[in-house]
Amino acid sequence: MIDRRTFLELASGAALGAGSRALPAFAQAPTPAPARIRLGLAGCGVRGLALARLAGGIATCEVRAIADAYAGRRARALEVIGRELPALDDGRLLVARDDIDAILIATPDHLHASLVEAAVAAGKDVWVEAPACHSLDEARRLARLDASRVVCVATGAFTSPSYAGARRIVQAGALGRVLVAQATWDSASSLHAWQYPFPPDASPASVNHAAFLGDRAPRAFDAAHVFRWPIFAEFGSGLIGMRVVRLAAAIQAMLDLGAPRAVVASGGLHRWRDGRDTDDIVNATLEYEGGLTAVIGASLNGAGRPTELRLVGTDASLVVSARRLELRAAPVSEPYAELAETWPRGYRDWFYMMHGMSRDGMVRGVPEPERVVEQYDVPEGAGSSSAALAEFVEAVRSRGRVRESLARGLDASLAGQMVGQAARERRHVAREAIGA
């Protein structure tokens, strides 16, 4: 029988026994304070608008200025926020403003690191969407930033209630020694493959192309670069940045790991022949300190399966999804049918008599399935992105810490960089060899 419990019970520690510690209350907003953190929003695309909406629901902050290279997105952001405020065509212009305490960065990937560096140098705190950086050199530079600033790399790995619950189960020893982590993220649609439509007015007249390019070499305006940037390696990182980094962040958070020590990977471009230069399928094996291996797969080529992670331990395994955790026990007996075919009858009968009978006296011939022994459901709305942003705002207000720290974000980004290099070069990539 499945022992089905709510995630709230797991969060309280009751499901793991009296000796376990309670999970932090991720969905609980911090106590309101009179100080209102003034935010600047760099990037008003899908994620930027989501952040604008979330900020509007947090009493301790307000968006004071926005920036985006495309005029149409600036106009839409003002509609979402619902009031007039400075709307700039370059995210770098937010850094110098005196009426901003912290900057939310939701720009194309290639602009992340430079904006983080500029904001920190100007004494501002930063929320940046994962991946934090676009290259190993950028990762090295970010690692040297002023540690007194609050820098949150938003992967969702530490503020997801299902990942946090999995972390508690692992810490309680329910899986034994975890040796393997498996993660997949597949999709089938064109929009999930970043074939976004271009707005009708997409042109140099509506886009500050120089601001979009940042430190990239000047070139003629190309709407595909601006509005489908994830598929081009110069501006985005495709599956690596959008999925592999987040899956690696989740695994590293659940198992309390740093960046991998070595990676092997492969990838290919098989379906989306639309001018992109990033792969539409990636498979990677990541080796971590302590003997753990993570196997990560991501594709844009079909199936459309929801993201699923599985932690395999010596005593049990844990299947982790957005709304549910399932603790599965290994079979309690082993099958001997194939072995019996290789021994003479006398030896075979003796072996079954001594070792090969189940508790009810039957020959063990068919493998037993895994048994779901514990199941936890995550309530709707628990651990939302609003709670993660509220945590960042409270850390800025109180000079506290965030769980999704720069160091953890860089570990996840480094995993992605290693996977990308291994896939491109078709070779084993060791962390020491690349000086990371």
Protein backbone atom coordinates (compact mmCIF):
# COMPACT_ATOMS: atom_id res chain seq x y z
CA MET A 1 0.00 0.00 0.00
CA ILE A 2 1.29 3.48 -0.82
CA ASP A 3 1.83 5.64 2.21
CA ARG A 4 0.58 8.91 0.74
CA ARG A 5 1.34 12.06 2.68
CA THR A 6 1.19 15.72 1.94
CA PHE A 7 4.32 17.70 1.36
CA LEU A 8 3.42 19.89 4.31
CA GLU A 9 4.00 16.90 6.57
CA LEU A 10 7.38 16.36 4.96
CA ALA A 11 8.18 20.04 5.38
CA SER A 12 7.44 19.82 9.10
CA GLY A 13 9.90 16.95 9.48
CA ALA A 14 7.20 14.58 10.79
CA ALA A 15 7.52 12.21 7.86
CA LEU A 16 11.21 11.65 8.50
CA GLY A 17 11.07 10.90 12.21
CA ALA A 18 11.56 12.87 15.36
CA GLY A 19 15.24 13.45 14.73
CA SER A 20 14.76 15.30 11.46
CA ARG A 21 14.78 19.06 11.16
CA ALA A 22 11.95 21.07 9.67
CA LEU A 23 12.25 22.49 6.19
CA PRO A 24 12.33 26.27 5.83
CA ALA A 25 8.92 27.75 5.08
CA PHE A 26 9.58 28.54 1.43
CA ALA A 27 6.09 29.74 0.60
CA GLN A 28 5.92 32.12 3.56
CA ALA A 29 6.67 35.72 2.65
CA PRO A 30 9.05 37.64 4.92
CA THR A 31 7.58 39.92 7.56
CA PRO A 32 6.61 43.23 5.93
CA ALA A 33 9.00 46.06 6.72
CA PRO A 34 8.59 49.79 6.11
CA ALA A 35 11.61 49.98 3.81
CA ARG A 36 10.73 49.47 0.14
CA ILE A 37 13.50 48.15 -2.06
CA ARG A 38 13.69 50.05 -5.33
CA LEU A 39 14.18 47.73 -8.29
CA GLY A 40 15.40 48.24 -11.83
CA LEU A 41 14.32 45.67 -14.39
CA ALA A 42 16.76 44.89 -17.23
CA GLY A 43 15.04 42.83 -19.91
CA CYS A 44 11.27 42.87 -20.47
CA GLY A 45 10.75 39.63 -22.35
CA VAL A 46 8.79 36.63 -21.07
CA ARG A 47 10.80 36.25 -17.88
CA GLY A 48 11.21 39.96 -17.30
CA LEU A 49 7.44 40.55 -17.45
CA ALA A 50 6.95 37.65 -15.04
CA LEU A 51 9.35 39.30 -12.60
CA ALA A 52 7.52 42.62 -12.98
CA ARG A 53 4.24 40.93 -12.06
CA LEU A 54 5.81 39.13 -9.11
CA ALA A 55 7.42 42.32 -7.80
CA GLY A 56 4.01 44.00 -7.91
CA GLY A 57 2.75 41.49 -5.36
CA ILE A 58 5.54 42.04 -2.83
CA ALA A 59 4.85 44.84 -0.35
CA THR A 60 8.51 45.54 0.40
CA CYS A 61 9.62 46.46 -3.12
CA GLU A 62 8.65 48.41 -6.20
CA VAL A 63 9.94 48.66 -9.75
CA ARG A 64 11.33 52.16 -10.30
CA ALA A 65 12.73 51.84 -13.85
CA ILE A 66 12.81 49.35 -16.71
CA ALA A 67 15.08 48.76 -19.68
CA ASP A 68 14.89 46.76 -22.89
CA ALA A 69 16.47 47.22 -26.30
CA TYR A 70 13.08 46.74 -28.03
CA ALA A 71 10.56 49.57 -27.70
CA GLY A 72 7.55 47.25 -27.86
CA ARG A 73 8.65 45.35 -24.78
CA ARG A 74 9.20 48.56 -22.86
CA ALA A 75 5.65 49.61 -23.72
CA ARG A 76 4.26 46.25 -22.63
CA ALA A 77 6.20 46.34 -19.34
CA LEU A 78 4.65 49.71 -18.50
CA GLU A 79 1.21 48.24 -19.22
CA VAL A 80 1.92 45.34 -16.86
CA ILE A 81 3.31 47.57 -14.10
CA GLY A 82 0.41 49.95 -14.52
CA ARG A 83 2.11 53.29 -14.10
CA GLU A 84 4.55 55.59 -15.83
CA LEU A 85 8.22 55.26 -14.94
CA PRO A 86 11.57 55.64 -16.71
CA ALA A 87 11.77 53.24 -19.68
CA LEU A 88 15.31 52.97 -21.04
CA ASP A 89 16.62 51.29 -24.18
CA ASP A 90 19.81 49.90 -22.59
CA GLY A 91 20.08 47.90 -19.37
CA ARG A 92 23.43 49.50 -18.60
CA LEU A 93 21.66 52.81 -18.02
CA LEU A 94 19.99 51.38 -14.92
CA VAL A 95 23.32 50.93 -13.15
CA ALA A 96 24.01 54.64 -12.71
CA ARG A 97 20.58 55.55 -11.35
CA ASP A 98 20.47 56.75 -7.74
CA ASP A 99 16.84 55.73 -7.31
CA ILE A 100 17.58 51.98 -7.69
CA ASP A 101 18.82 49.66 -4.94
CA ALA A 102 18.86 46.37 -6.86
CA ILE A 103 18.65 45.22 -10.46
CA LEU A 104 16.72 42.26 -11.84
CA ILE A 105 18.52 40.92 -14.93
CA ALA A 106 16.43 38.97 -17.45
CA THR A 107 18.31 39.88 -20.63
CA PRO A 108 19.82 37.55 -23.24
CA ASP A 109 22.54 35.37 -21.71
CA HIS A 110 25.49 37.17 -23.26
CA LEU A 111 24.64 40.35 -21.33
CA HIS A 112 24.29 38.72 -17.89
CA ALA A 113 27.85 38.79 -16.59
CA SER A 114 28.70 42.33 -17.70
CA LEU A 115 25.51 43.71 -16.14
CA VAL A 116 26.15 41.84 -12.89
CA GLU A 117 29.70 43.20 -12.75
CA ALA A 118 28.60 46.77 -13.47
CA ALA A 119 25.76 46.64 -10.93
CA VAL A 120 27.96 45.26 -8.14
CA ALA A 121 30.68 47.81 -8.91
CA ALA A 122 28.03 50.52 -8.54
CA GLY A 123 27.05 49.18 -5.10
CA LYS A 124 23.81 47.55 -6.17
CA ASP A 125 22.44 44.10 -5.38
CA VAL A 126 21.53 41.76 -8.22
CA TRP A 127 19.04 39.08 -9.19
CA VAL A 128 20.17 37.40 -12.42
CA GLU A 129 18.42 34.65 -14.30
CA ALA A 130 20.43 31.48 -14.90
CA PRO A 131 22.88 30.94 -16.42
CA ALA A 132 24.88 33.58 -14.59
CA CYS A 133 27.53 33.69 -17.29
CA HIS A 134 28.15 32.84 -20.92
CA SER A 135 31.78 31.70 -20.76
CA LEU A 136 34.42 30.33 -18.41
CA ASP A 137 36.21 33.67 -18.41
CA GLU A 138 33.02 35.39 -17.26
CA ALA A 139 32.62 32.79 -14.51
CA ARG A 140 36.11 33.53 -13.25
CA ARG A 141 35.41 37.26 -13.21
CA LEU A 142 32.11 36.87 -11.36
CA ALA A 143 33.76 34.67 -8.74
CA ARG A 144 35.91 37.67 -7.76
CA LEU A 145 33.03 40.11 -7.18
CA ASP A 146 32.53 42.09 -3.98
CA ALA A 147 31.09 39.54 -1.54
CA SER A 148 29.24 42.21 0.44
CA ARG A 149 26.60 42.56 -2.28
CA VAL A 150 23.59 40.25 -2.47
CA VAL A 151 23.76 38.36 -5.77
CA CYS A 152 21.04 35.80 -6.47
CA VAL A 153 21.34 33.45 -9.45
CA ALA A 154 17.77 32.33 -10.11
CA THR A 155 17.87 28.62 -10.97
CA GLY A 156 14.92 27.59 -8.79
CA ALA A 157 17.02 24.78 -7.33
CA PHE A 158 16.96 25.98 -3.73
CA THR A 159 13.52 27.60 -3.66
CA SER A 160 11.64 24.72 -5.29
CA PRO A 161 9.71 22.88 -2.54
CA SER A 162 10.04 19.51 -4.29
CA TYR A 163 13.83 19.87 -4.59
CA ALA A 164 14.06 21.02 -0.98
CA GLY A 165 11.95 18.06 0.13
CA ALA A 166 14.22 15.73 -1.80
CA ARG A 167 17.22 17.31 -0.11
CA ARG A 168 15.68 16.61 3.31
CA ILE A 169 14.98 12.97 2.39
CA VAL A 170 18.57 12.53 1.23
CA GLN A 171 19.93 14.16 4.38
CA ALA A 172 17.78 11.85 6.51
CA GLY A 173 19.56 8.85 4.96
CA ALA A 174 16.43 7.31 3.43
CA LEU A 175 18.22 6.50 0.15
CA GLY A 176 21.43 5.17 1.66
CA ARG A 177 24.42 6.31 -0.36
CA VAL A 178 23.29 8.12 -3.51
CA LEU A 179 25.41 6.97 -6.44
CA VAL A 180 23.45 8.04 -9.50
CA ALA A 181 21.25 11.01 -10.42
CA GLN A 182 19.22 10.98 -13.62
CA ALA A 183 17.45 13.96 -15.17
CA THR A 184 15.54 14.51 -18.41
CA TRP A 185 13.83 17.52 -19.98
CA ASP A 186 12.27 17.07 -23.41
CA SER A 187 9.80 19.10 -25.45
CA ALA A 188 8.15 18.92 -28.84
CA SER A 189 6.74 22.33 -29.81
CA SER A 190 8.29 25.03 -31.95
CA LEU A 191 7.90 27.66 -29.23
CA HIS A 192 9.77 25.44 -26.78
CA ALA A 193 12.46 25.30 -29.46
CA TRP A 194 12.56 29.13 -29.33
CA GLN A 195 11.07 29.71 -32.78
CA TYR A 196 9.44 32.85 -31.45
CA PRO A 197 7.49 35.06 -33.86
CA PHE A 198 8.89 38.49 -34.67
CA PRO A 199 6.80 41.53 -33.73
CA PRO A 200 5.46 43.45 -36.74
CA ASP A 201 7.69 46.46 -36.10
CA ALA A 202 10.94 44.52 -35.60
CA SER A 203 13.56 46.77 -37.23
CA PRO A 204 16.53 48.99 -36.39
CA ALA A 205 13.99 51.75 -35.78
CA SER A 206 12.39 49.91 -32.84
CA VAL A 207 15.48 48.12 -31.48
CA ASN A 208 18.61 49.64 -29.96
CA HIS A 209 20.81 47.14 -31.76
CA ALA A 210 24.03 48.33 -30.15
CA ALA A 211 22.52 47.77 -26.69
CA PHE A 212 21.43 44.27 -27.68
CA LEU A 213 24.89 43.41 -29.00
CA GLY A 214 26.66 44.64 -25.87
CA ASP A 215 30.33 43.74 -26.28
CA ARG A 216 29.73 41.63 -29.38
CA ALA A 217 31.20 42.77 -32.70
CA PRO A 218 29.03 45.21 -34.70
CA ARG A 219 26.99 43.66 -37.49
CA ALA A 220 23.82 44.32 -39.49
CA PHE A 221 20.49 44.07 -37.68
CA ASP A 222 19.00 40.55 -37.70
CA ALA A 223 15.58 40.08 -36.11
CA ALA A 224 16.35 36.40 -35.47
CA HIS A 225 19.32 37.34 -33.30
CA VAL A 226 17.25 39.77 -31.24
CA PHE A 227 14.05 37.76 -30.81
CA ARG A 228 15.35 34.18 -31.02
CA TRP A 229 18.65 34.74 -29.24
CA PRO A 230 18.64 31.41 -27.27
CA ILE A 231 19.36 29.43 -30.45
CA PHE A 232 22.57 31.30 -31.31
CA ALA A 233 25.73 30.45 -29.40
CA GLU A 234 26.98 34.03 -29.55
CA PHE A 235 24.00 35.35 -27.58
CA GLY A 236 22.45 32.36 -25.83
CA SER A 237 23.33 28.79 -25.06
CA GLY A 238 20.30 26.79 -26.19
CA LEU A 239 19.63 23.59 -24.30
CA ILE A 240 22.82 23.98 -22.28
CA GLY A 241 21.86 27.26 -20.66
CA MET A 242 18.10 26.86 -20.60
CA ARG A 243 17.88 23.27 -19.38
CA VAL A 244 21.17 21.53 -18.56
CA VAL A 245 22.27 24.30 -16.19
CA ARG A 246 18.95 24.16 -14.33
CA LEU A 247 18.95 20.37 -14.10
CA ALA A 248 22.54 20.39 -12.85
CA ALA A 249 21.61 23.09 -10.33
CA ALA A 250 18.76 20.90 -9.05
CA ILE A 251 20.97 17.84 -8.67
CA GLN A 252 23.71 19.84 -6.97
CA ALA A 253 21.20 21.43 -4.59
CA MET A 254 19.49 18.16 -3.63
CA LEU A 255 22.80 16.38 -3.01
CA ASP A 256 24.81 19.32 -1.66
CA LEU A 257 27.40 19.18 -4.45
CA GLY A 258 29.70 21.72 -6.05
CA ALA A 259 30.54 21.77 -9.75
CA PRO A 260 31.35 18.44 -11.41
CA ARG A 261 34.96 17.32 -11.59
CA ALA A 262 34.65 15.88 -15.10
CA VAL A 263 32.12 15.62 -17.94
CA VAL A 264 31.58 13.64 -21.12
CA ALA A 265 28.82 14.74 -23.48
CA SER A 266 27.43 14.57 -26.98
CA GLY A 267 24.94 16.63 -28.90
CA GLY A 268 23.53 17.23 -32.32
CA LEU A 269 21.26 19.34 -34.49
CA HIS A 270 18.76 17.01 -36.12
CA ARG A 271 15.38 18.71 -36.44
CA TRP A 272 15.36 22.50 -36.23
CA ARG A 273 17.12 23.59 -39.43
CA ASP A 274 16.32 27.27 -39.02
CA GLY A 275 19.79 28.84 -39.00
CA ARG A 276 20.54 28.05 -35.36
CA ASP A 277 23.99 26.95 -34.30
CA THR A 278 23.07 25.28 -31.00
CA ASP A 279 22.16 21.60 -30.64
CA ASP A 280 18.60 20.34 -30.34
CA ILE A 281 19.67 17.27 -28.37
CA VAL A 282 22.26 17.00 -25.59
CA ASN A 283 23.24 14.03 -23.45
CA ALA A 284 25.84 14.32 -20.72
CA THR A 285 27.44 12.32 -17.93
CA LEU A 286 28.81 14.39 -15.07
CA GLU A 287 31.19 12.99 -12.47
CA TYR A 288 31.16 14.54 -8.99
CA GLU A 289 33.39 14.27 -5.96
CA GLY A 290 32.44 11.39 -3.71
CA GLY A 291 31.66 8.95 -6.48
CA LEU A 292 28.32 10.27 -7.74
CA THR A 293 27.46 10.21 -11.44
CA ALA A 294 24.73 12.41 -12.93
CA VAL A 295 23.18 11.57 -16.30
CA ILE A 296 21.38 14.51 -17.91
CA GLY A 297 19.46 14.48 -21.18
CA ALA A 298 17.59 17.30 -22.92
CA SER A 299 16.04 17.58 -26.35
CA LEU A 300 13.72 19.63 -28.55
CA ASN A 301 12.84 16.70 -30.75
CA GLY A 302 9.66 15.24 -29.36
CA ALA A 303 8.04 13.41 -26.47
CA GLY A 304 7.21 16.56 -24.55
CA ARG A 305 7.68 14.72 -21.25
CA PRO A 306 7.62 16.75 -18.04
CA THR A 307 10.91 17.30 -16.32
CA GLU A 308 11.76 14.39 -14.05
CA LEU A 309 14.70 13.70 -11.80
CA ARG A 310 15.61 10.44 -10.12
CA LEU A 311 18.11 9.91 -7.30
CA VAL A 312 19.28 6.31 -7.03
CA GLY A 313 20.73 5.17 -3.72
CA THR A 314 21.96 1.91 -2.29
CA ASP A 315 18.78 1.51 -0.19
CA ALA A 316 16.08 3.22 -2.25
CA SER A 317 15.47 5.66 -5.06
CA LEU A 318 13.56 8.94 -5.17
CA VAL A 319 11.59 10.22 -8.16
CA VAL A 320 11.26 14.01 -8.07
CA SER A 321 8.77 16.00 -10.11
CA ALA A 322 7.26 19.45 -9.69
CA ARG A 323 4.20 18.24 -7.81
CA ARG A 324 5.24 14.94 -6.24
CA LEU A 325 8.02 12.98 -4.55
CA GLU A 326 8.00 9.18 -4.67
CA LEU A 327 10.33 7.14 -2.48
CA ARG A 328 10.76 3.74 -4.11
CA ALA A 329 12.31 0.69 -2.47
CA ALA A 330 14.49 -1.77 -4.33
CA PRO A 331 13.15 -5.33 -4.82
CA VAL A 332 13.51 -7.46 -1.70
CA SER A 333 14.49 -10.61 -3.58
CA GLU A 334 16.58 -11.47 -6.61
CA PRO A 335 15.53 -13.62 -9.59
CA TYR A 336 17.45 -16.81 -10.33
CA ALA A 337 15.69 -18.12 -13.42
CA GLU A 338 18.53 -17.35 -15.82
CA LEU A 339 21.16 -18.66 -13.41
CA ALA A 340 19.30 -21.94 -12.99
CA GLU A 341 19.59 -22.67 -16.71
CA THR A 342 23.40 -22.77 -16.49
CA TRP A 343 23.81 -25.39 -13.70
CA PRO A 344 23.21 -29.18 -13.63
CA ARG A 345 19.91 -30.20 -12.02
CA GLY A 346 21.47 -31.42 -8.78
CA TYR A 347 23.35 -28.21 -8.15
CA ARG A 348 20.35 -26.16 -9.25
CA ASP A 349 17.95 -27.93 -6.89
CA TRP A 350 20.38 -27.51 -3.99
CA PHE A 351 20.87 -23.81 -4.73
CA TYR A 352 17.14 -23.12 -4.87
CA MET A 353 16.61 -25.02 -1.66
CA MET A 354 19.27 -22.95 0.13
CA HIS A 355 18.95 -19.54 -1.48
CA GLY A 356 16.38 -19.30 -4.21
CA MET A 357 13.04 -19.55 -2.46
CA SER A 358 10.86 -16.62 -1.60
CA ARG A 359 9.23 -16.32 1.79
CA ASP A 360 6.16 -18.18 0.53
CA GLY A 361 8.20 -21.08 -0.85
CA MET A 362 8.15 -20.10 -4.53
CA VAL A 363 11.21 -20.13 -6.77
CA ARG A 364 12.48 -16.64 -7.38
CA GLY A 365 12.24 -16.48 -11.13
CA VAL A 366 10.64 -13.14 -11.98
CA PRO A 367 12.12 -9.79 -10.92
CA GLU A 368 9.99 -7.93 -8.42
CA PRO A 369 9.01 -4.39 -9.39
CA GLU A 370 10.03 -1.38 -7.41
CA ARG A 371 7.65 -0.59 -4.58
CA VAL A 372 6.47 2.95 -3.87
CA VAL A 373 6.72 3.13 -0.11
CA GLU A 374 6.36 6.87 0.48
CA GLN A 375 4.64 9.52 -1.62
CA TYR A 376 4.45 13.24 -0.95
CA ASP A 377 2.28 15.70 -2.83
CA VAL A 378 3.36 19.33 -3.19
CA PRO A 379 0.43 21.72 -2.67
CA GLU A 380 -0.52 24.04 -5.52
CA GLY A 381 1.30 27.35 -5.23
CA ALA A 382 3.90 26.15 -2.73
CA GLY A 383 7.35 27.60 -3.27
CA SER A 384 6.35 29.91 -6.08
CA SER A 385 8.74 32.26 -7.85
CA SER A 386 7.11 35.03 -5.85
CA ALA A 387 8.51 33.49 -2.66
CA ALA A 388 11.98 33.33 -4.22
CA LEU A 389 11.85 36.97 -5.27
CA ALA A 390 10.51 37.93 -1.84
CA GLU A 391 13.48 36.16 -0.28
CA PHE A 392 15.85 38.18 -2.46
CA VAL A 393 14.11 41.46 -1.60
CA GLU A 394 14.26 40.65 2.12
CA ALA A 395 17.97 39.79 1.83
CA VAL A 396 18.58 43.17 0.18
CA ARG A 397 16.58 44.94 2.89
CA SER A 398 18.20 43.15 5.84
CA ARG A 399 21.64 42.51 4.28
CA GLY A 400 21.02 38.80 4.68
CA ARG A 401 21.78 35.87 2.42
CA VAL A 402 19.92 34.06 -0.33
CA ARG A 403 19.99 30.32 -0.82
CA GLU A 404 20.45 30.70 -4.57
CA SER A 405 23.78 32.41 -4.08
CA LEU A 406 26.32 33.50 -6.66
CA ALA A 407 28.64 30.64 -5.70
CA ARG A 408 25.92 28.05 -6.23
CA GLY A 409 24.83 29.69 -9.45
CA LEU A 410 28.39 29.66 -10.75
CA ASP A 411 28.71 25.95 -9.89
CA ALA A 412 25.63 25.27 -12.03
CA SER A 413 26.88 27.52 -14.83
CA LEU A 414 30.26 25.79 -14.74
CA ALA A 415 28.53 22.43 -15.15
CA GLY A 416 26.85 23.82 -18.26
CA GLN A 417 30.10 25.23 -19.63
CA MET A 418 31.80 21.85 -19.18
CA VAL A 419 28.92 20.01 -20.87
CA GLY A 420 28.98 22.46 -23.77
CA GLN A 421 32.72 22.11 -24.28
CA ALA A 422 32.61 18.31 -24.01
CA ALA A 423 29.78 18.12 -26.56
CA ARG A 424 31.50 20.47 -29.01
CA GLU A 425 34.89 18.80 -28.79
CA ARG A 426 33.63 15.24 -28.36
CA ARG A 427 36.00 14.60 -25.49
CA HIS A 428 36.28 14.17 -21.75
CA VAL A 429 36.53 17.56 -20.00
CA ALA A 430 38.06 17.71 -16.52
CA ARG A 431 37.57 20.74 -14.32
CA GLU A 432 41.27 20.95 -13.47
CA ALA A 433 42.24 20.89 -17.12
CA ILE A 434 40.19 23.99 -17.94
CA GLY A 435 41.40 25.92 -14.89
CA ALA A 436 37.97 26.24 -13.28
